[in-house]
Amino acid sequence: MELGKPLEVWDSILKIIGQKEAVDWGKIVTIGLLLAIFFYVLFALLIVRQVTLMTNFLGTKLSPYIKTFAWIYVCYAVLVLLLILNVF
């Protein structure tokens, strides 16, 4: 049995383990993108937390600007999440 394409290999593996239907790659990619964007928003919130801790410990004249930039970054991440949800 000669297998040339990766999808054929994957379908053969699924047949061996007992699944008769092929994998819906569109759903897998969609779920992967949604998970990635969700973790991106969590990472942005983590950055806000870290910036808040940093500015409380090392307060400078730039601290309000840094906090503002961190919150703008969170807004950007949420906007990307909403755009991705709108697409799917």
Protein backbone atom coordinates (compact mmCIF):
# COMPACT_ATOMS: atom_id res chain seq x y z
CA MET A 1 0.00 0.00 0.00
CA GLU A 2 1.62 3.21 -1.14
CA LEU A 3 0.59 6.45 0.55
CA GLY A 4 1.55 9.74 -1.03
CA LYS A 5 -0.35 12.49 0.74
CA PRO A 6 -0.50 13.27 4.47
CA LEU A 7 -4.30 13.29 4.49
CA GLU A 8 -4.35 9.80 3.01
CA VAL A 9 -2.01 8.68 5.77
CA TRP A 10 -4.25 10.24 8.41
CA ASP A 11 -7.37 8.64 6.92
CA SER A 12 -5.59 5.28 6.88
CA ILE A 13 -4.65 5.67 10.54
CA LEU A 14 -8.26 6.51 11.43
CA LYS A 15 -9.48 3.43 9.56
CA ILE A 16 -6.99 1.29 11.47
CA ILE A 17 -8.15 2.54 14.87
CA GLY A 18 -11.80 2.10 13.93
CA GLN A 19 -13.13 5.49 12.92
CA LYS A 20 -14.87 5.20 9.59
CA GLU A 21 -15.43 8.87 8.78
CA ALA A 22 -12.76 11.28 7.68
CA VAL A 23 -11.70 14.15 9.91
CA ASP A 24 -13.33 17.54 9.32
CA TRP A 25 -10.21 19.71 9.14
CA GLY A 26 -12.24 22.92 8.97
CA LYS A 27 -13.67 22.33 12.43
CA ILE A 28 -10.28 21.43 13.84
CA VAL A 29 -8.73 24.62 12.45
CA THR A 30 -11.67 26.70 13.73
CA ILE A 31 -11.41 25.28 17.23
CA GLY A 32 -7.65 25.76 17.20
CA LEU A 33 -7.96 29.40 16.15
CA LEU A 34 -10.59 30.11 18.80
CA LEU A 35 -8.43 28.53 21.50
CA ALA A 36 -5.38 30.48 20.34
CA ILE A 37 -7.25 33.79 20.39
CA PHE A 38 -8.74 32.99 23.80
CA PHE A 39 -5.26 32.37 25.19
CA TYR A 40 -4.10 35.58 23.48
CA VAL A 41 -6.72 37.54 25.46
CA LEU A 42 -5.67 35.78 28.68
CA PHE A 43 -2.06 36.68 27.93
CA ALA A 44 -3.06 40.33 27.43
CA LEU A 45 -4.80 40.32 30.81
CA LEU A 46 -1.70 38.77 32.36
CA ILE A 47 0.35 41.62 30.92
CA VAL A 48 -1.99 44.14 32.59
CA ARG A 49 -1.54 42.34 35.89
CA GLN A 50 2.23 42.34 35.55
CA VAL A 51 2.31 46.01 34.55
CA THR A 52 0.16 46.89 37.56
CA LEU A 53 2.49 45.00 39.89
CA MET A 54 5.51 46.63 38.28
CA THR A 55 4.12 50.16 38.50
CA ASN A 56 3.11 49.64 42.14
CA PHE A 57 6.63 48.53 42.98
CA LEU A 58 8.53 50.95 40.74
CA GLY A 59 6.34 54.00 40.37
CA THR A 60 7.62 56.53 37.84
CA LYS A 61 6.20 59.39 35.82
CA LEU A 62 5.64 56.98 32.94
CA SER A 63 3.56 54.52 34.98
CA PRO A 64 0.14 55.87 33.91
CA TYR A 65 1.18 55.75 30.25
CA ILE A 66 2.42 52.19 30.58
CA LYS A 67 -0.84 51.13 32.25
CA THR A 68 -2.83 52.86 29.53
CA PHE A 69 -0.83 51.10 26.82
CA ALA A 70 -1.41 47.74 28.56
CA TRP A 71 -5.18 48.33 28.63
CA ILE A 72 -5.14 49.38 24.98
CA TYR A 73 -3.41 46.07 24.26
CA VAL A 74 -6.22 44.21 26.08
CA CYS A 75 -8.81 46.11 24.04
CA TYR A 76 -6.95 45.15 20.87
CA ALA A 77 -6.89 41.48 21.92
CA VAL A 78 -10.63 41.50 22.68
CA LEU A 79 -11.27 43.21 19.33
CA VAL A 80 -9.34 40.45 17.56
CA LEU A 81 -11.37 37.85 19.47
CA LEU A 82 -14.63 39.51 18.44
CA LEU A 83 -13.51 39.70 14.83
CA ILE A 84 -12.60 36.02 14.82
CA LEU A 85 -15.94 35.10 16.42
CA ASN A 86 -17.71 37.21 13.81
CA VAL A 87 -15.94 35.34 11.01
CA PHE A 88 -16.88 31.93 12.37
